[in-house]
Amino acid sequence: MTKQVSLFLLTVALLLMPFTAEAQSRLNGLTNICISEAGFQTRTADCALIVEVLRNRSSTGTVTMGIMRNYSTKVFNRSRTDHRRWIPWMTPTRVRPRGFPSNLTWNPTYRQRYWGVRRHVHRILTGQVMTRYSPDHWGARSLRRQRLRDGWQLIVRGRPHDPNRPHLPHETYNDFWMLPGNFYIDDE
């Protein structure tokens, strides 16, 4: 058995063993949401902030499958027909997601990236990765003008992908917001 295969099996065991079926579903769902929103990467703060939004929007302060499905309906819609229809079909197995682009290599390239995001989500859920912000909402940069007109407070400004300038860990692809009536004061 190669060292890479051994490391992969150990990672799978560590990520799957300590969780109930409900926790596994939550980890799968959050992984898919993070990939849908920020791609197969963990360089930006998008995923940690998304988890915060879902916690804040939940009546219990816990990220549940219900709040994820309500907030990110397309991520769970297996009837999608758009170019990202493969997202709801991603699972922690070796199986190529249904509808995944044929010009991209799932095994090993994107499968390994999937597991990288999944490990990152696990670290967020266990408190190993944290954010100093507590936003109420996230969304595309294209909605920024309307949200500002509506009185929302922009607390993290997303910026477009630029291959010549990598994102820094505190940067995001998405905008993150406080809703009108909630106030955020940056104490730094």
N, C-alpha and C. Protein backbone atom coordinates (compact mmCIF):
# COMPACT_ATOMS: atom_id res chain seq x y z
N MET A 1 0.85 -1.17 0.00
CA MET A 1 0.00 0.00 0.00
C MET A 1 0.90 1.24 0.00
N THR A 2 0.61 2.16 -0.89
CA THR A 2 1.44 3.36 -0.98
C THR A 2 1.16 4.30 0.18
N LYS A 3 2.11 5.19 0.42
CA LYS A 3 1.96 6.16 1.50
C LYS A 3 0.75 7.06 1.25
N GLN A 4 0.52 7.45 -0.03
CA GLN A 4 -0.61 8.32 -0.37
C GLN A 4 -1.95 7.63 -0.08
N VAL A 5 -2.05 6.35 -0.42
CA VAL A 5 -3.28 5.60 -0.16
C VAL A 5 -3.49 5.45 1.35
N SER A 6 -2.42 5.15 2.08
CA SER A 6 -2.53 5.02 3.54
C SER A 6 -3.00 6.32 4.17
N LEU A 7 -2.43 7.44 3.73
CA LEU A 7 -2.82 8.75 4.26
C LEU A 7 -4.28 9.04 3.93
N PHE A 8 -4.70 8.69 2.72
CA PHE A 8 -6.09 8.91 2.33
C PHE A 8 -7.03 8.08 3.21
N LEU A 9 -6.71 6.81 3.43
CA LEU A 9 -7.57 5.95 4.25
C LEU A 9 -7.62 6.44 5.70
N LEU A 10 -6.50 6.92 6.22
CA LEU A 10 -6.48 7.47 7.57
C LEU A 10 -7.36 8.71 7.65
N THR A 11 -7.26 9.57 6.64
CA THR A 11 -8.10 10.78 6.61
C THR A 11 -9.57 10.41 6.58
N VAL A 12 -9.92 9.45 5.74
CA VAL A 12 -11.32 9.00 5.65
C VAL A 12 -11.78 8.48 7.01
N ALA A 13 -10.97 7.66 7.64
CA ALA A 13 -11.34 7.09 8.94
C ALA A 13 -11.53 8.19 9.99
N LEU A 14 -10.62 9.15 10.02
CA LEU A 14 -10.74 10.22 11.01
C LEU A 14 -11.96 11.10 10.77
N LEU A 15 -12.29 11.32 9.51
CA LEU A 15 -13.43 12.17 9.21
C LEU A 15 -14.77 11.46 9.36
N LEU A 16 -14.78 10.15 9.23
CA LEU A 16 -16.05 9.42 9.28
C LEU A 16 -16.36 8.81 10.64
N MET A 17 -15.36 8.38 11.37
CA MET A 17 -15.57 7.63 12.60
C MET A 17 -16.34 8.36 13.69
N PRO A 18 -15.93 9.57 14.10
CA PRO A 18 -16.53 10.14 15.30
C PRO A 18 -17.91 10.75 15.10
N PHE A 19 -18.48 10.66 13.92
CA PHE A 19 -19.72 11.36 13.64
C PHE A 19 -20.92 10.43 13.52
N THR A 20 -22.04 10.93 13.96
CA THR A 20 -23.31 10.23 13.73
C THR A 20 -23.71 10.43 12.28
N ALA A 21 -24.74 9.72 11.84
CA ALA A 21 -25.24 9.89 10.48
C ALA A 21 -25.70 11.33 10.25
N GLU A 22 -26.32 11.94 11.26
CA GLU A 22 -26.76 13.33 11.14
C GLU A 22 -25.56 14.28 10.97
N ALA A 23 -24.51 14.05 11.75
CA ALA A 23 -23.32 14.89 11.65
C ALA A 23 -22.64 14.70 10.29
N GLN A 24 -22.65 13.47 9.77
CA GLN A 24 -22.08 13.21 8.45
C GLN A 24 -22.86 13.96 7.37
N SER A 25 -24.19 13.94 7.48
CA SER A 25 -25.02 14.67 6.51
C SER A 25 -24.72 16.16 6.58
N ARG A 26 -24.56 16.68 7.78
CA ARG A 26 -24.26 18.11 7.95
C ARG A 26 -22.90 18.43 7.34
N LEU A 27 -21.91 17.59 7.58
CA LEU A 27 -20.57 17.79 7.01
C LEU A 27 -20.62 17.73 5.48
N ASN A 28 -21.35 16.76 4.94
CA ASN A 28 -21.50 16.65 3.48
C ASN A 28 -22.16 17.91 2.92
N GLY A 29 -23.26 18.33 3.55
CA GLY A 29 -23.99 19.50 3.07
C GLY A 29 -23.16 20.77 3.11
N LEU A 30 -22.45 21.00 4.22
CA LEU A 30 -21.61 22.19 4.32
C LEU A 30 -20.46 22.15 3.33
N THR A 31 -19.89 20.98 3.11
CA THR A 31 -18.82 20.86 2.12
C THR A 31 -19.35 21.27 0.75
N ASN A 32 -20.51 20.77 0.39
CA ASN A 32 -21.08 21.10 -0.92
C ASN A 32 -21.43 22.58 -1.02
N ILE A 33 -21.95 23.18 0.05
CA ILE A 33 -22.25 24.61 0.04
C ILE A 33 -20.96 25.41 -0.15
N CYS A 34 -19.92 25.05 0.58
CA CYS A 34 -18.65 25.79 0.46
C CYS A 34 -18.08 25.68 -0.94
N ILE A 35 -18.14 24.50 -1.54
CA ILE A 35 -17.63 24.33 -2.91
C ILE A 35 -18.50 25.12 -3.88
N SER A 36 -19.80 25.11 -3.68
CA SER A 36 -20.70 25.86 -4.54
C SER A 36 -20.41 27.36 -4.48
N GLU A 37 -20.12 27.85 -3.30
CA GLU A 37 -19.93 29.29 -3.10
C GLU A 37 -18.51 29.79 -3.37
N ALA A 38 -17.50 28.95 -3.11
CA ALA A 38 -16.12 29.44 -3.20
C ALA A 38 -15.19 28.48 -3.95
N GLY A 39 -15.73 27.43 -4.53
CA GLY A 39 -14.90 26.53 -5.30
C GLY A 39 -14.17 25.51 -4.44
N PHE A 40 -13.31 24.74 -5.09
CA PHE A 40 -12.55 23.68 -4.43
C PHE A 40 -11.30 24.26 -3.79
N GLN A 41 -11.46 25.22 -2.89
CA GLN A 41 -10.31 25.86 -2.26
C GLN A 41 -10.65 26.21 -0.81
N THR A 42 -9.61 26.38 -0.01
CA THR A 42 -9.80 26.75 1.40
C THR A 42 -8.95 27.96 1.76
N ARG A 43 -8.46 28.68 0.75
CA ARG A 43 -7.60 29.85 0.99
C ARG A 43 -8.37 31.04 1.55
N THR A 44 -9.63 31.16 1.20
CA THR A 44 -10.39 32.33 1.61
C THR A 44 -11.22 32.04 2.86
N ALA A 45 -11.80 33.07 3.43
CA ALA A 45 -12.61 32.94 4.65
C ALA A 45 -14.06 32.61 4.35
N ASP A 46 -14.42 32.39 3.09
CA ASP A 46 -15.81 32.17 2.72
C ASP A 46 -16.48 31.09 3.55
N CYS A 47 -15.87 29.93 3.65
CA CYS A 47 -16.53 28.80 4.30
C CYS A 47 -16.80 29.07 5.78
N ALA A 48 -15.82 29.60 6.50
CA ALA A 48 -16.02 29.89 7.93
C ALA A 48 -17.14 30.92 8.12
N LEU A 49 -17.19 31.91 7.24
CA LEU A 49 -18.24 32.93 7.34
C LEU A 49 -19.61 32.36 6.98
N ILE A 50 -19.66 31.47 6.01
CA ILE A 50 -20.92 30.82 5.64
C ILE A 50 -21.46 30.02 6.83
N VAL A 51 -20.60 29.29 7.50
CA VAL A 51 -21.03 28.54 8.69
C VAL A 51 -21.59 29.50 9.73
N GLU A 52 -20.94 30.66 9.93
CA GLU A 52 -21.44 31.66 10.88
C GLU A 52 -22.82 32.17 10.48
N VAL A 53 -23.01 32.45 9.18
CA VAL A 53 -24.32 32.90 8.71
C VAL A 53 -25.38 31.85 9.04
N LEU A 54 -25.09 30.60 8.74
CA LEU A 54 -26.07 29.53 8.98
C LEU A 54 -26.36 29.37 10.47
N ARG A 55 -25.34 29.52 11.31
CA ARG A 55 -25.57 29.48 12.76
C ARG A 55 -26.45 30.64 13.19
N ASN A 56 -26.16 31.83 12.68
CA ASN A 56 -26.93 33.02 13.05
C ASN A 56 -28.37 32.95 12.56
N ARG A 57 -28.60 32.32 11.42
CA ARG A 57 -29.95 32.25 10.85
C ARG A 57 -30.77 31.13 11.47
N SER A 58 -30.11 30.21 12.14
CA SER A 58 -30.81 29.09 12.77
C SER A 58 -31.43 29.54 14.09
N SER A 59 -32.62 29.08 14.37
CA SER A 59 -33.28 29.45 15.63
C SER A 59 -32.58 28.86 16.84
N THR A 60 -31.78 27.80 16.64
CA THR A 60 -31.09 27.16 17.76
C THR A 60 -29.61 27.53 17.84
N GLY A 61 -29.11 28.24 16.83
CA GLY A 61 -27.68 28.56 16.79
C GLY A 61 -26.83 27.40 16.31
N THR A 62 -27.48 26.34 15.84
CA THR A 62 -26.79 25.15 15.34
C THR A 62 -27.06 25.02 13.85
N VAL A 63 -26.04 24.65 13.11
CA VAL A 63 -26.23 24.41 11.68
C VAL A 63 -26.92 23.07 11.51
N THR A 64 -28.10 23.10 10.94
CA THR A 64 -28.87 21.87 10.71
C THR A 64 -29.07 21.67 9.21
N MET A 65 -29.47 20.48 8.83
CA MET A 65 -29.78 20.22 7.42
C MET A 65 -30.93 21.11 6.97
N GLY A 66 -31.88 21.36 7.84
CA GLY A 66 -33.01 22.20 7.48
C GLY A 66 -32.59 23.62 7.12
N ILE A 67 -31.75 24.24 7.95
CA ILE A 67 -31.32 25.61 7.66
C ILE A 67 -30.46 25.63 6.40
N MET A 68 -29.63 24.59 6.20
CA MET A 68 -28.82 24.54 4.97
C MET A 68 -29.70 24.42 3.74
N ARG A 69 -30.71 23.55 3.81
CA ARG A 69 -31.61 23.38 2.66
C ARG A 69 -32.43 24.64 2.38
N ASN A 70 -32.85 25.32 3.44
CA ASN A 70 -33.63 26.55 3.26
C ASN A 70 -32.77 27.68 2.69
N TYR A 71 -31.52 27.73 3.08
CA TYR A 71 -30.66 28.84 2.70
C TYR A 71 -29.95 28.60 1.38
N SER A 72 -29.68 27.37 1.04
CA SER A 72 -28.94 27.03 -0.19
C SER A 72 -29.67 25.95 -0.96
N THR A 73 -30.87 26.26 -1.41
CA THR A 73 -31.73 25.25 -2.04
C THR A 73 -31.09 24.58 -3.25
N LYS A 74 -30.40 25.34 -4.09
CA LYS A 74 -29.82 24.75 -5.30
C LYS A 74 -28.76 23.70 -5.00
N VAL A 75 -28.04 23.87 -3.91
CA VAL A 75 -26.98 22.93 -3.55
C VAL A 75 -27.54 21.53 -3.32
N PHE A 76 -28.80 21.44 -2.90
CA PHE A 76 -29.41 20.15 -2.58
C PHE A 76 -30.41 19.67 -3.64
N ASN A 77 -30.61 20.45 -4.69
CA ASN A 77 -31.59 20.13 -5.71
C ASN A 77 -31.00 19.19 -6.76
N ARG A 78 -31.30 17.92 -6.65
CA ARG A 78 -30.77 16.93 -7.59
C ARG A 78 -31.49 16.94 -8.93
N SER A 79 -32.48 17.80 -9.08
CA SER A 79 -33.18 17.94 -10.36
C SER A 79 -32.64 19.09 -11.19
N ARG A 80 -31.60 19.76 -10.71
CA ARG A 80 -31.01 20.88 -11.45
C ARG A 80 -30.59 20.43 -12.84
N THR A 81 -30.65 21.37 -13.76
CA THR A 81 -30.21 21.07 -15.13
C THR A 81 -29.15 22.06 -15.61
N ASP A 82 -28.71 22.97 -14.74
CA ASP A 82 -27.73 23.97 -15.15
C ASP A 82 -26.32 23.38 -15.18
N HIS A 83 -25.34 24.21 -15.52
CA HIS A 83 -23.96 23.74 -15.66
C HIS A 83 -23.33 23.29 -14.34
N ARG A 84 -23.98 23.56 -13.21
CA ARG A 84 -23.45 23.13 -11.91
C ARG A 84 -24.34 22.06 -11.27
N ARG A 85 -25.01 21.29 -12.10
CA ARG A 85 -25.94 20.26 -11.64
C ARG A 85 -25.24 19.14 -10.87
N TRP A 86 -23.93 19.05 -10.94
CA TRP A 86 -23.15 18.01 -10.27
C TRP A 86 -23.00 18.28 -8.77
N ILE A 87 -23.19 19.51 -8.32
CA ILE A 87 -22.93 19.85 -6.91
C ILE A 87 -23.75 19.00 -5.94
N PRO A 88 -25.07 18.82 -6.16
CA PRO A 88 -25.82 18.00 -5.19
C PRO A 88 -25.40 16.53 -5.17
N TRP A 89 -24.65 16.09 -6.15
CA TRP A 89 -24.26 14.68 -6.25
C TRP A 89 -22.88 14.41 -5.65
N MET A 90 -22.22 15.41 -5.10
CA MET A 90 -20.92 15.17 -4.47
C MET A 90 -21.09 14.46 -3.14
N THR A 91 -20.32 13.42 -2.94
CA THR A 91 -20.32 12.67 -1.68
C THR A 91 -18.87 12.31 -1.35
N PRO A 92 -18.61 11.87 -0.13
CA PRO A 92 -17.23 11.54 0.23
C PRO A 92 -16.74 10.20 -0.34
N THR A 93 -17.43 9.64 -1.30
CA THR A 93 -16.99 8.39 -1.92
C THR A 93 -16.06 8.72 -3.09
N ARG A 94 -15.55 7.69 -3.72
CA ARG A 94 -14.68 7.88 -4.88
C ARG A 94 -15.49 8.13 -6.16
N VAL A 95 -16.79 8.06 -6.07
CA VAL A 95 -17.66 8.13 -7.24
C VAL A 95 -17.69 9.55 -7.81
N ARG A 96 -17.49 9.63 -9.11
CA ARG A 96 -17.56 10.91 -9.82
C ARG A 96 -19.01 11.41 -9.74
N PRO A 97 -19.23 12.66 -9.30
CA PRO A 97 -20.60 13.17 -9.20
C PRO A 97 -21.30 13.18 -10.56
N ARG A 98 -22.55 12.79 -10.57
CA ARG A 98 -23.34 12.81 -11.79
C ARG A 98 -23.34 14.23 -12.37
N GLY A 99 -23.06 14.36 -13.66
CA GLY A 99 -23.07 15.66 -14.32
C GLY A 99 -21.77 16.44 -14.19
N PHE A 100 -20.74 15.86 -13.50
CA PHE A 100 -19.46 16.56 -13.35
C PHE A 100 -18.86 16.75 -14.74
N PRO A 101 -18.28 17.93 -15.01
CA PRO A 101 -17.76 18.22 -16.36
C PRO A 101 -16.82 17.13 -16.87
N SER A 102 -17.09 16.66 -18.08
CA SER A 102 -16.31 15.55 -18.64
C SER A 102 -14.88 15.95 -18.96
N ASN A 103 -14.62 17.24 -19.09
CA ASN A 103 -13.26 17.68 -19.41
C ASN A 103 -12.38 17.81 -18.16
N LEU A 104 -12.93 17.55 -16.97
CA LEU A 104 -12.17 17.62 -15.73
C LEU A 104 -11.99 16.22 -15.14
N THR A 105 -10.88 16.01 -14.45
CA THR A 105 -10.56 14.71 -13.87
C THR A 105 -11.04 14.67 -12.43
N TRP A 106 -12.06 13.84 -12.14
CA TRP A 106 -12.54 13.71 -10.75
C TRP A 106 -11.51 12.97 -9.91
N ASN A 107 -11.09 11.79 -10.37
CA ASN A 107 -10.08 11.01 -9.64
C ASN A 107 -8.73 11.20 -10.29
N PRO A 108 -7.72 11.59 -9.59
CA PRO A 108 -7.69 11.97 -8.20
C PRO A 108 -7.83 13.48 -7.97
N THR A 109 -7.73 14.28 -9.02
CA THR A 109 -7.60 15.73 -8.85
C THR A 109 -8.71 16.36 -8.02
N TYR A 110 -9.94 16.33 -8.50
CA TYR A 110 -11.02 17.02 -7.80
C TYR A 110 -11.51 16.26 -6.58
N ARG A 111 -11.35 14.95 -6.58
CA ARG A 111 -11.70 14.19 -5.37
C ARG A 111 -10.81 14.63 -4.22
N GLN A 112 -9.51 14.81 -4.49
CA GLN A 112 -8.59 15.28 -3.44
C GLN A 112 -8.94 16.70 -3.00
N ARG A 113 -9.32 17.53 -3.93
CA ARG A 113 -9.73 18.90 -3.57
C ARG A 113 -11.01 18.88 -2.74
N TYR A 114 -11.94 17.99 -3.11
CA TYR A 114 -13.17 17.82 -2.32
C TYR A 114 -12.81 17.48 -0.88
N TRP A 115 -11.90 16.51 -0.70
CA TRP A 115 -11.51 16.10 0.65
C TRP A 115 -10.79 17.22 1.38
N GLY A 116 -10.06 18.05 0.68
CA GLY A 116 -9.42 19.21 1.32
C GLY A 116 -10.45 20.17 1.88
N VAL A 117 -11.50 20.43 1.11
CA VAL A 117 -12.58 21.32 1.59
C VAL A 117 -13.31 20.64 2.75
N ARG A 118 -13.55 19.36 2.64
CA ARG A 118 -14.24 18.62 3.70
C ARG A 118 -13.46 18.68 5.01
N ARG A 119 -12.14 18.50 4.94
CA ARG A 119 -11.31 18.60 6.15
C ARG A 119 -11.39 20.02 6.73
N HIS A 120 -11.39 21.02 5.85
CA HIS A 120 -11.50 22.41 6.29
C HIS A 120 -12.83 22.65 7.00
N VAL A 121 -13.92 22.14 6.44
CA VAL A 121 -15.24 22.27 7.07
C VAL A 121 -15.24 21.59 8.44
N HIS A 122 -14.64 20.42 8.52
CA HIS A 122 -14.54 19.71 9.80
C HIS A 122 -13.81 20.57 10.82
N ARG A 123 -12.71 21.22 10.42
CA ARG A 123 -11.96 22.08 11.34
C ARG A 123 -12.81 23.28 11.78
N ILE A 124 -13.64 23.80 10.88
CA ILE A 124 -14.53 24.92 11.24
C ILE A 124 -15.54 24.45 12.28
N LEU A 125 -16.17 23.30 12.02
CA LEU A 125 -17.20 22.78 12.92
C LEU A 125 -16.66 22.41 14.29
N THR A 126 -15.38 22.05 14.36
CA THR A 126 -14.79 21.67 15.64
C THR A 126 -14.07 22.84 16.30
N GLY A 127 -14.20 24.04 15.74
CA GLY A 127 -13.64 25.23 16.36
C GLY A 127 -12.16 25.45 16.11
N GLN A 128 -11.55 24.69 15.21
CA GLN A 128 -10.14 24.86 14.90
C GLN A 128 -9.90 26.01 13.94
N VAL A 129 -10.92 26.38 13.16
CA VAL A 129 -10.87 27.53 12.26
C VAL A 129 -12.01 28.44 12.67
N MET A 130 -11.70 29.68 12.92
CA MET A 130 -12.74 30.62 13.39
C MET A 130 -12.64 31.93 12.62
N THR A 131 -13.67 32.73 12.73
CA THR A 131 -13.69 34.05 12.12
C THR A 131 -14.09 35.06 13.19
N ARG A 132 -13.63 36.27 13.04
CA ARG A 132 -13.99 37.30 14.02
C ARG A 132 -15.30 37.99 13.67
N TYR A 133 -15.84 37.67 12.50
CA TYR A 133 -17.11 38.28 12.08
C TYR A 133 -18.27 37.34 12.35
N SER A 134 -19.45 37.93 12.46
CA SER A 134 -20.66 37.14 12.67
C SER A 134 -21.77 37.68 11.76
N PRO A 135 -21.66 37.42 10.46
CA PRO A 135 -22.61 38.00 9.50
C PRO A 135 -23.98 37.33 9.54
N ASP A 136 -24.97 38.06 9.00
CA ASP A 136 -26.34 37.56 8.89
C ASP A 136 -26.64 36.96 7.53
N HIS A 137 -25.83 37.31 6.54
CA HIS A 137 -26.17 36.90 5.17
C HIS A 137 -24.91 36.94 4.31
N TRP A 138 -24.89 36.13 3.26
CA TRP A 138 -23.84 36.25 2.26
C TRP A 138 -24.50 36.31 0.91
N GLY A 139 -23.77 36.81 -0.07
CA GLY A 139 -24.31 36.87 -1.40
C GLY A 139 -23.29 37.34 -2.41
N ALA A 140 -23.71 37.28 -3.65
CA ALA A 140 -22.83 37.66 -4.76
C ALA A 140 -22.54 39.16 -4.74
N ARG A 141 -21.36 39.50 -5.23
CA ARG A 141 -20.98 40.91 -5.32
C ARG A 141 -21.93 41.70 -6.20
N SER A 142 -22.57 41.03 -7.16
CA SER A 142 -23.47 41.71 -8.08
C SER A 142 -24.69 42.33 -7.38
N LEU A 143 -24.98 41.88 -6.16
CA LEU A 143 -26.13 42.40 -5.41
C LEU A 143 -25.75 43.54 -4.46
N ARG A 144 -24.49 43.93 -4.46
CA ARG A 144 -23.98 44.89 -3.48
C ARG A 144 -24.74 46.21 -3.49
N ARG A 145 -24.92 46.82 -4.65
CA ARG A 145 -25.60 48.13 -4.72
C ARG A 145 -26.99 48.10 -4.11
N GLN A 146 -27.76 47.08 -4.47
CA GLN A 146 -29.13 46.96 -3.96
C GLN A 146 -29.13 46.78 -2.44
N ARG A 147 -28.26 45.93 -1.93
CA ARG A 147 -28.20 45.70 -0.49
C ARG A 147 -27.83 46.98 0.26
N LEU A 148 -26.88 47.73 -0.26
CA LEU A 148 -26.49 48.99 0.38
C LEU A 148 -27.66 49.98 0.38
N ARG A 149 -28.41 50.04 -0.73
CA ARG A 149 -29.61 50.90 -0.80
C ARG A 149 -30.65 50.48 0.23
N ASP A 150 -30.71 49.18 0.50
CA ASP A 150 -31.69 48.65 1.45
C ASP A 150 -31.24 48.79 2.91
N GLY A 151 -30.06 49.35 3.13
CA GLY A 151 -29.59 49.60 4.48
C GLY A 151 -28.77 48.49 5.11
N TRP A 152 -28.38 47.49 4.32
CA TRP A 152 -27.57 46.42 4.86
C TRP A 152 -26.15 46.95 5.09
N GLN A 153 -25.45 46.39 6.07
CA GLN A 153 -24.08 46.80 6.37
C GLN A 153 -23.12 45.74 5.83
N LEU A 154 -22.26 46.15 4.91
CA LEU A 154 -21.27 45.26 4.33
C LEU A 154 -20.12 45.12 5.32
N ILE A 155 -19.89 43.90 5.82
CA ILE A 155 -18.81 43.72 6.80
C ILE A 155 -17.59 43.02 6.21
N VAL A 156 -17.78 42.23 5.15
CA VAL A 156 -16.65 41.63 4.44
C VAL A 156 -16.94 41.76 2.96
N ARG A 157 -16.08 42.47 2.26
CA ARG A 157 -16.26 42.73 0.83
C ARG A 157 -15.56 41.65 0.01
N GLY A 158 -16.34 40.93 -0.78
CA GLY A 158 -15.76 39.92 -1.66
C GLY A 158 -15.03 40.58 -2.81
N ARG A 159 -14.11 39.87 -3.38
CA ARG A 159 -13.43 40.39 -4.56
C ARG A 159 -13.31 39.29 -5.60
N PRO A 160 -13.30 39.69 -6.86
CA PRO A 160 -13.25 38.69 -7.93
C PRO A 160 -11.94 37.92 -7.94
N HIS A 161 -12.00 36.74 -8.55
CA HIS A 161 -10.81 35.91 -8.71
C HIS A 161 -9.83 36.61 -9.65
N ASP A 162 -8.57 36.68 -9.26
CA ASP A 162 -7.52 37.25 -10.09
C ASP A 162 -6.33 36.31 -10.01
N PRO A 163 -6.05 35.57 -11.10
CA PRO A 163 -4.95 34.60 -11.05
C PRO A 163 -3.58 35.24 -10.79
N ASN A 164 -3.47 36.53 -11.03
CA ASN A 164 -2.20 37.22 -10.80
C ASN A 164 -2.02 37.70 -9.36
N ARG A 165 -3.08 37.64 -8.57
CA ARG A 165 -3.00 38.05 -7.18
C ARG A 165 -3.86 37.10 -6.35
N PRO A 166 -3.25 36.12 -5.72
CA PRO A 166 -4.04 35.15 -4.92
C PRO A 166 -4.77 35.84 -3.77
N HIS A 167 -5.88 35.26 -3.38
CA HIS A 167 -6.63 35.77 -2.23
C HIS A 167 -5.83 35.54 -0.95
N LEU A 168 -5.97 36.46 -0.02
CA LEU A 168 -5.40 36.30 1.30
C LEU A 168 -6.40 35.57 2.18
N PRO A 169 -5.98 34.95 3.30
CA PRO A 169 -6.89 34.15 4.12
C PRO A 169 -8.10 34.91 4.67
N HIS A 170 -8.01 36.22 4.84
CA HIS A 170 -9.14 36.98 5.37
C HIS A 170 -10.07 37.46 4.26
N GLU A 171 -9.69 37.26 3.01
CA GLU A 171 -10.50 37.73 1.90
C GLU A 171 -11.54 36.68 1.51
N THR A 172 -12.51 37.12 0.72
CA THR A 172 -13.59 36.23 0.30
C THR A 172 -13.97 36.48 -1.15
N TYR A 173 -14.65 35.51 -1.74
CA TYR A 173 -15.26 35.71 -3.06
C TYR A 173 -16.63 36.36 -2.92
N ASN A 174 -17.31 36.07 -1.83
CA ASN A 174 -18.67 36.57 -1.59
C ASN A 174 -18.64 37.80 -0.68
N ASP A 175 -19.71 38.59 -0.74
CA ASP A 175 -19.92 39.66 0.23
C ASP A 175 -20.63 39.07 1.44
N PHE A 176 -20.32 39.57 2.62
CA PHE A 176 -20.97 39.14 3.85
C PHE A 176 -21.56 40.36 4.53
N TRP A 177 -22.79 40.22 5.04
CA TRP A 177 -23.60 41.36 5.45
C TRP A 177 -24.20 41.22 6.84
N MET A 178 -24.49 42.36 7.42
CA MET A 178 -25.37 42.46 8.60
C MET A 178 -26.68 43.04 8.07
N LEU A 179 -27.78 42.51 8.55
CA LEU A 179 -29.08 43.00 8.12
C LEU A 179 -29.41 44.33 8.77
N PRO A 180 -30.31 45.11 8.15
CA PRO A 180 -30.71 46.38 8.77
C PRO A 180 -31.22 46.14 10.19
N GLY A 181 -30.82 47.00 11.10
CA GLY A 181 -31.23 46.86 12.49
C GLY A 181 -30.20 46.16 13.35
N ASN A 182 -29.34 45.37 12.74
CA ASN A 182 -28.21 44.76 13.45
C ASN A 182 -27.00 45.64 13.18
N PHE A 183 -26.17 45.80 14.15
CA PHE A 183 -25.03 46.67 13.96
C PHE A 183 -23.75 45.92 14.24
N TYR A 184 -22.76 46.19 13.44
CA TYR A 184 -21.46 45.59 13.63
C TYR A 184 -20.46 46.74 13.79
N ILE A 185 -19.69 46.71 14.85
CA ILE A 185 -18.67 47.72 15.07
C ILE A 185 -17.33 47.01 15.06
N ASP A 186 -16.47 47.42 14.15
CA ASP A 186 -15.14 46.83 14.07
C ASP A 186 -14.27 47.49 15.12
N ASP A 187 -13.82 46.69 16.09
CA ASP A 187 -13.07 47.26 17.20
C ASP A 187 -11.58 47.29 16.96
N GLU A 188 -11.15 47.00 15.74
CA GLU A 188 -9.72 47.06 15.45
C GLU A 188 -9.37 48.30 14.68
